[in-house]
Each structure stands twice: as structure tokens, then as C-alpha cells.
């Protein structure tokens, strides 16, 4: 599978991710309408974004600039291979 290179498709993909997140949060709040649930959803969104930033920016820029990976599964495989003898 080749990388997505079209600017329009990349933006469309981002908008779809945003729509999924907003729709999911709205459905959860409709199911359990409370300030506590709304705050917990906000914390999940914030923490997930920070974790993503950590995985795809901090690790590469500050921890190990030689480490390259295309996703979380690829990162896990890379880390597992580094633990193998002769890797």
C-alpha cells in the first residue's frame, strides 16, 4: 500500500476522524448526560492527543532520532526486534 499523497484526501481523512470523534462523544453524552462524563471524555481526548504526540514526535526527536516507524504496530515490532539477539 502506498502513502497517501493527495492534500485534499489527507484533509478529508482528518475531517472524517474529527467527525467520528465528535459523533462518538455526542452519542456517549446522549446515553449518559452528565458533566462528569463530559469531563472524562475531554480528558480522554486530551490524553490521547498527547500520547500520539509523544509517540510520533517526542520519541523520534528527543529519545532516538534513528528510530523510524509508520504506526503504533510498527513501533511495537521495532521495539521487539531491538530486543532480539543480533538486532
Foldseek 3Di string as FASTA:
>chain_A
DDDDDDPVVVVVVVVVVVVVLVVVLVVVCVVPPDPVSVVVSVVVVVVVVVVVCCVPPVCCPPVPVVDDADDDVRVVVVVVVVPDPPD
